[in-house]
Amino acid sequence: MLLHLIEETARHGGHADIIRESLDGATLFPLMAAGSGPTRGSSPGSPPRPPAVGGGRQKSCTSGRCGRGALADRSYAGSMATDPVLRQGPDSTDLVLRVGPVGPTWNALTSAGPALFTPLALGALTLLVALGMALAGARASTVFVVVGVIAGLEYLIGWLALASSRARDILRVEFAPAGVPASLRLVRGAGPDDWLPVKTLREVRLTHKVVEPYPGDYKPAVSTLTLELALRGVREQLTLPFDGDPQRLADSLKALLGPAGVVVMLRTERSTRDRPQRNSGWTSGGSASANSGGG
C-alpha cells in the first residue's frame, strides 16, 4: 500500500499536472523519459524525442466523426520532422528560442537581479565623486548619502534599461493551428504580440556558425544559431547558442511553412579560433641581448 502511494505521488508533477493529465492522459514518467534521454529504438547519439501530441493517446477516427481536415493534420504531423527547438502541441507549433517567464511583471522581476551590476560597473565614477567631495571638506555622512543616492539612481537606470531590452527579446514563435498553420505571433519577454497571417512571413534565414578550436586548443568548439525573420517588412534577428542539428531544424521549418509559401534558408559558416600570438618584440629583444652578450 505504501509503495503504491509513493508511485502514484511520483507520477504527478503537482496539482496543476494532475489537471493536465486529466485532459491529455500523459503522466510524468513518459514525459521525463522523452525529454531527457533517447527512447527505445533510437541510437545513443540521437537527440531525445519530444512527447507525442496528446500525451501519447491516439484518438480513433470513427465514421462520421473524423473529417478530412483531421486526417490531413494527423498525416502532416506524422510526416513532419521533429526537433527539440520546434515543439508541437495540441493547438499550435512553437519555435522555442529561449525558455523564460513571459509578462511585464516577470520581466521586471527577473531584471532586478542583473541590474545590481550597474552600480558596480560605474563604481569608478562614484568613487571619483566621493573623493572630490572629501577633498572639498564635506562631512563623511554627507558623502555617504550622496554616494548612496548616486548608486540608487544607477541601479534604477540599469534596471529600466535592462527590463526594456529584455521586453523586446523573442522567446518563441507560435504557429497556429498545429497542422497547417494559418497565423503566427511572436512571444516576447513582455508578452505576446498580435496574431498575424502566416503569409506576412516572407522568409526565414538560419545562419549556423561554428568556431572550431585550433590544433592543441583545449577549449571546445562554439556553436551559435542566428534566426532572422522577414516579417511585414521588418527583420527580427536573434542569436543564441545552439547544440542541435541545424539541417533538421531547417527541414522541420520547411515542412511546417512550405505550404504557406515561406522560404526557409540555411547557411553554415565554419571557422577556426585564432591561435594566440607570442610577443614578437619580447622574443626579438631577448635574442638581441643574447647575441650582444655572446659578442
Protein backbone atom coordinates (compact mmCIF):
# COMPACT_ATOMS: atom_id res chain seq x y z
CA MET A 1 0.00 0.00 0.00
CA LEU A 2 2.81 2.43 0.92
CA LEU A 3 4.76 1.67 -2.28
CA HIS A 4 1.60 2.19 -4.30
CA LEU A 5 1.03 5.60 -2.73
CA ILE A 6 4.66 6.62 -3.38
CA GLU A 7 4.40 5.57 -7.02
CA GLU A 8 1.10 7.40 -7.53
CA THR A 9 2.54 10.55 -5.94
CA ALA A 10 5.68 10.44 -8.10
CA ARG A 11 3.66 10.02 -11.30
CA HIS A 12 2.39 13.58 -11.00
CA GLY A 13 4.31 16.86 -11.07
CA GLY A 14 1.93 18.74 -8.79
CA HIS A 15 -1.72 19.73 -8.62
CA ALA A 16 -1.63 21.54 -11.97
CA ASP A 17 -0.01 18.49 -13.58
CA ILE A 18 -2.88 16.30 -12.33
CA ILE A 19 -5.34 18.65 -14.07
CA ARG A 20 -3.28 18.47 -17.26
CA GLU A 21 -3.17 14.67 -17.04
CA SER A 22 -6.96 14.56 -16.85
CA LEU A 23 -7.03 16.35 -20.23
CA ASP A 24 -4.36 14.56 -22.29
CA GLY A 25 -3.59 11.45 -20.20
CA ALA A 26 0.21 11.87 -20.19
CA THR A 27 1.90 11.08 -16.89
CA LEU A 28 5.18 12.48 -15.61
CA PHE A 29 7.41 9.45 -16.20
CA PRO A 30 6.91 9.21 -20.01
CA LEU A 31 7.29 12.97 -20.38
CA MET A 32 10.56 12.98 -18.44
CA ALA A 33 11.86 9.98 -20.36
CA ALA A 34 11.01 11.60 -23.68
CA GLY A 35 12.52 14.93 -22.74
CA SER A 36 15.71 13.81 -21.00
CA GLY A 37 17.12 10.90 -22.95
CA PRO A 38 16.85 8.73 -26.06
CA THR A 39 13.92 6.38 -26.34
CA ARG A 40 13.92 2.71 -27.24
CA GLY A 41 14.89 2.16 -30.84
CA SER A 42 16.95 5.32 -31.18
CA SER A 43 20.72 5.48 -31.41
CA PRO A 44 22.70 6.68 -28.37
CA GLY A 45 23.81 9.81 -30.21
CA SER A 46 20.36 10.83 -31.42
CA PRO A 47 18.59 13.69 -29.63
CA PRO A 48 15.62 12.92 -27.38
CA ARG A 49 12.19 12.66 -28.91
CA PRO A 50 9.52 15.08 -27.67
CA PRO A 51 6.31 13.61 -26.30
CA ALA A 52 3.60 12.89 -28.80
CA VAL A 53 0.70 15.24 -29.21
CA GLY A 54 -2.00 14.44 -26.70
CA GLY A 55 0.37 12.62 -24.35
CA GLY A 56 0.64 9.51 -26.50
CA ARG A 57 -3.09 8.77 -26.73
CA GLN A 58 -4.19 8.07 -30.30
CA LYS A 59 -7.71 9.23 -30.94
CA SER A 60 -9.59 6.76 -33.09
CA CYS A 61 -11.41 8.09 -36.15
CA THR A 62 -14.87 6.63 -36.41
CA SER A 63 -17.19 7.13 -39.32
CA GLY A 64 -18.92 10.46 -39.26
CA ARG A 65 -16.72 11.94 -36.53
CA CYS A 66 -13.31 12.30 -38.18
CA GLY A 67 -13.24 14.59 -41.19
CA ARG A 68 -10.73 15.14 -43.95
CA GLY A 69 -9.12 18.06 -42.12
CA ALA A 70 -8.33 15.96 -39.05
CA LEU A 71 -6.89 13.19 -41.21
CA ALA A 72 -4.73 15.70 -43.05
CA ASP A 73 -3.47 17.17 -39.80
CA ARG A 74 -2.56 13.74 -38.42
CA SER A 75 -0.74 12.68 -41.59
CA TYR A 76 1.04 16.04 -41.77
CA ALA A 77 2.15 15.84 -38.15
CA GLY A 78 3.44 12.33 -38.69
CA SER A 79 5.49 13.26 -41.75
CA MET A 80 7.00 16.45 -40.33
CA ALA A 81 10.42 16.01 -38.79
CA THR A 82 10.55 16.83 -35.11
CA ASP A 83 13.25 18.93 -33.47
CA PRO A 84 13.98 19.80 -29.82
CA VAL A 85 13.53 23.51 -30.65
CA LEU A 86 10.33 23.02 -32.66
CA ARG A 87 7.66 21.69 -30.32
CA GLN A 88 4.19 20.70 -31.44
CA GLY A 89 1.24 20.99 -29.11
CA PRO A 90 -2.47 20.36 -29.47
CA ASP A 91 -3.25 23.91 -30.62
CA SER A 92 -0.01 25.31 -32.04
CA THR A 93 3.53 24.52 -33.11
CA ASP A 94 6.05 26.60 -31.16
CA LEU A 95 9.55 27.50 -32.22
CA VAL A 96 11.10 27.79 -28.77
CA LEU A 97 14.16 30.03 -28.76
CA ARG A 98 14.51 30.87 -25.08
CA VAL A 99 12.84 29.44 -22.02
CA GLY A 100 11.75 32.04 -19.51
CA PRO A 101 8.82 33.82 -17.91
CA VAL A 102 6.53 35.99 -20.01
CA GLY A 103 4.85 39.22 -18.98
CA PRO A 104 5.85 42.69 -17.81
CA THR A 105 5.81 41.72 -14.12
CA TRP A 106 8.08 38.72 -14.58
CA ASN A 107 10.30 40.72 -16.91
CA ALA A 108 10.74 43.43 -14.28
CA LEU A 109 11.42 40.90 -11.51
CA THR A 110 13.97 38.91 -13.49
CA SER A 111 15.78 42.11 -14.49
CA ALA A 112 16.11 43.34 -10.90
CA GLY A 113 18.96 40.98 -10.00
CA PRO A 114 21.26 41.54 -13.00
CA ALA A 115 20.73 45.30 -12.67
CA LEU A 116 22.85 45.20 -9.49
CA PHE A 117 25.94 45.08 -11.71
CA THR A 118 25.22 48.59 -12.98
CA PRO A 119 26.46 50.40 -9.83
CA LEU A 120 29.46 48.08 -9.79
CA ALA A 121 30.30 48.90 -13.39
CA LEU A 122 30.00 52.63 -12.65
CA GLY A 123 31.76 52.36 -9.30
CA ALA A 124 34.84 54.25 -10.52
CA LEU A 125 32.73 57.30 -11.35
CA THR A 126 31.00 57.15 -7.97
CA LEU A 127 34.35 56.91 -6.17
CA LEU A 128 35.63 59.97 -8.04
CA VAL A 129 32.61 61.94 -6.87
CA ALA A 130 33.12 60.78 -3.29
CA LEU A 131 36.83 61.62 -3.45
CA GLY A 132 36.08 65.09 -4.79
CA MET A 133 33.57 65.75 -2.02
CA ALA A 134 36.04 64.53 0.61
CA LEU A 135 38.80 66.79 -0.72
CA ALA A 136 36.35 69.70 -0.72
CA GLY A 137 35.84 69.20 3.03
CA ALA A 138 32.38 67.60 3.02
CA ARG A 139 31.29 65.58 6.03
CA ALA A 140 31.50 61.80 5.91
CA SER A 141 27.75 61.47 6.45
CA THR A 142 27.08 63.77 3.51
CA VAL A 143 29.45 61.78 1.32
CA PHE A 144 27.75 58.51 2.26
CA VAL A 145 24.31 59.93 1.49
CA VAL A 146 25.39 61.30 -1.88
CA VAL A 147 27.12 58.02 -2.80
CA GLY A 148 24.01 56.07 -1.82
CA VAL A 149 21.75 58.31 -3.90
CA ILE A 150 24.07 58.01 -6.91
CA ALA A 151 24.24 54.22 -6.55
CA GLY A 152 20.45 54.04 -6.26
CA LEU A 153 19.97 56.12 -9.40
CA GLU A 154 22.48 53.99 -11.27
CA TYR A 155 20.66 50.84 -10.21
CA LEU A 156 17.30 52.28 -11.23
CA ILE A 157 18.59 53.35 -14.64
CA GLY A 158 20.21 49.97 -15.20
CA TRP A 159 17.04 48.17 -14.13
CA LEU A 160 14.85 50.14 -16.54
CA ALA A 161 17.32 49.76 -19.39
CA LEU A 162 17.67 46.01 -18.86
CA ALA A 163 13.93 45.47 -18.49
CA SER A 164 13.28 47.48 -21.64
CA SER A 165 15.88 45.48 -23.56
CA ARG A 166 14.54 42.14 -22.36
CA ALA A 167 10.97 43.14 -23.12
CA ARG A 168 11.77 43.02 -26.86
CA ASP A 169 13.58 39.69 -26.73
CA ILE A 170 11.82 36.94 -28.66
CA LEU A 171 11.21 33.85 -26.54
CA ARG A 172 9.26 31.79 -29.04
CA VAL A 173 7.27 31.93 -32.28
CA GLU A 174 3.83 30.34 -32.23
CA PHE A 175 2.20 28.93 -35.37
CA ALA A 176 -1.49 28.04 -35.22
CA PRO A 177 -3.18 25.69 -35.83
CA ALA A 178 -0.78 22.84 -35.20
CA GLY A 179 -1.33 21.10 -38.55
CA VAL A 180 -1.06 23.57 -41.40
CA PRO A 181 -0.57 26.99 -39.73
CA ALA A 182 -2.57 29.97 -40.92
CA SER A 183 -1.36 32.56 -38.38
CA LEU A 184 1.63 33.30 -36.23
CA ARG A 185 2.71 35.56 -33.40
CA LEU A 186 5.91 36.46 -31.62
CA VAL A 187 6.03 35.91 -27.88
CA ARG A 188 8.43 38.39 -26.29
CA GLY A 189 9.64 38.90 -22.77
CA ALA A 190 6.91 41.48 -22.13
CA GLY A 191 4.17 39.27 -23.58
CA PRO A 192 2.83 38.02 -26.90
CA ASP A 193 2.32 40.20 -29.96
CA ASP A 194 -0.85 40.22 -32.03
CA TRP A 195 -1.67 37.29 -34.31
CA LEU A 196 -0.68 37.82 -37.94
CA PRO A 197 -1.39 35.85 -41.10
CA VAL A 198 1.40 33.40 -41.77
CA LYS A 199 1.73 34.85 -45.28
CA THR A 200 3.19 38.02 -43.78
CA LEU A 201 6.30 35.96 -43.05
CA ARG A 202 8.25 36.05 -46.29
CA GLU A 203 11.38 34.13 -45.37
CA VAL A 204 13.28 32.55 -42.52
CA ARG A 205 17.07 32.63 -42.56
CA LEU A 206 19.13 30.34 -40.36
CA THR A 207 22.84 31.03 -40.03
CA HIS A 208 24.77 28.34 -38.18
CA LYS A 209 28.25 29.49 -37.11
CA VAL A 210 30.79 27.06 -35.69
CA VAL A 211 34.13 28.26 -34.32
CA GLU A 212 36.36 25.20 -34.03
CA PRO A 213 39.50 25.02 -31.87
CA TYR A 214 42.93 25.11 -33.43
CA PRO A 215 45.22 22.07 -33.04
CA GLY A 216 46.23 21.80 -29.42
CA ASP A 217 43.49 24.10 -28.12
CA TYR A 218 41.74 22.70 -25.07
CA LYS A 219 38.66 24.91 -25.42
CA PRO A 220 35.63 23.27 -27.07
CA ALA A 221 34.02 24.46 -30.26
CA VAL A 222 31.44 27.25 -30.04
CA SER A 223 28.20 26.81 -32.00
CA THR A 224 25.63 29.60 -32.43
CA LEU A 225 22.48 29.94 -34.50
CA THR A 226 21.20 33.25 -35.85
CA LEU A 227 17.50 33.31 -36.68
CA GLU A 228 16.28 36.07 -38.98
CA LEU A 229 12.58 36.54 -39.72
CA ALA A 230 11.46 38.78 -42.59
CA LEU A 231 8.08 39.84 -41.21
CA ARG A 232 5.95 42.73 -42.52
CA GLY A 233 8.98 44.50 -43.95
CA VAL A 234 10.75 44.32 -40.56
CA ARG A 235 13.54 41.85 -39.90
CA GLU A 236 13.64 40.29 -36.46
CA GLN A 237 17.02 38.80 -35.62
CA LEU A 238 18.16 36.73 -32.67
CA THR A 239 21.42 34.87 -31.98
CA LEU A 240 21.54 32.09 -29.41
CA PRO A 241 23.79 29.14 -28.50
CA PHE A 242 22.79 26.04 -30.44
CA ASP A 243 23.92 22.44 -29.99
CA GLY A 244 21.29 20.74 -32.13
CA ASP A 245 21.09 19.76 -35.78
CA PRO A 246 20.52 22.89 -37.92
CA GLN A 247 19.65 20.87 -41.02
CA ARG A 248 16.89 19.02 -39.21
CA LEU A 249 15.54 22.28 -37.84
CA ALA A 250 15.54 23.77 -41.34
CA ASP A 251 13.75 20.70 -42.73
CA SER A 252 11.15 20.95 -39.95
CA LEU A 253 10.50 24.61 -40.73
CA LYS A 254 10.26 23.86 -44.44
CA ALA A 255 7.70 21.13 -43.79
CA LEU A 256 5.75 23.45 -41.49
CA LEU A 257 5.87 26.68 -43.50
CA GLY A 258 6.30 25.32 -47.02
CA PRO A 259 2.54 25.12 -47.74
CA ALA A 260 2.25 28.85 -46.94
CA GLY A 261 5.00 29.75 -49.40
CA VAL A 262 7.54 30.79 -46.76
CA VAL A 263 11.14 30.41 -47.89
CA VAL A 264 13.49 28.78 -45.37
CA MET A 265 17.24 29.11 -45.99
CA LEU A 266 20.14 27.61 -44.06
CA ARG A 267 23.75 28.71 -44.21
CA THR A 268 26.61 27.17 -42.25
CA GLU A 269 29.83 29.06 -41.55
CA ARG A 270 32.84 27.31 -40.08
CA SER A 271 36.00 28.95 -38.87
CA THR A 272 38.96 28.14 -36.66
CA ARG A 273 39.73 30.02 -33.49
CA ASP A 274 42.78 32.27 -33.82
CA ARG A 275 45.89 30.95 -32.18
CA PRO A 276 47.29 33.41 -29.60
CA GLN A 277 50.48 35.04 -30.85
CA ARG A 278 53.54 35.38 -28.70
CA ASN A 279 55.07 38.78 -28.07
CA SER A 280 57.46 39.09 -31.00
CA GLY A 281 59.08 42.21 -29.56
CA TRP A 282 59.99 40.40 -26.34
CA THR A 283 61.42 37.47 -28.29
CA SER A 284 63.49 39.64 -30.62
CA GLY A 285 64.73 41.73 -27.72
CA GLY A 286 65.83 38.62 -25.86
CA SER A 287 67.68 37.23 -28.86
CA ALA A 288 69.42 40.55 -29.47
CA SER A 289 70.51 40.68 -25.87
CA ALA A 290 71.87 37.16 -26.08
CA ASN A 291 73.79 37.92 -29.27
CA SER A 292 75.26 41.08 -27.80
CA GLY A 293 76.33 39.22 -24.71
CA GLY A 294 77.94 36.50 -26.76
CA GLY A 295 79.95 39.01 -28.79
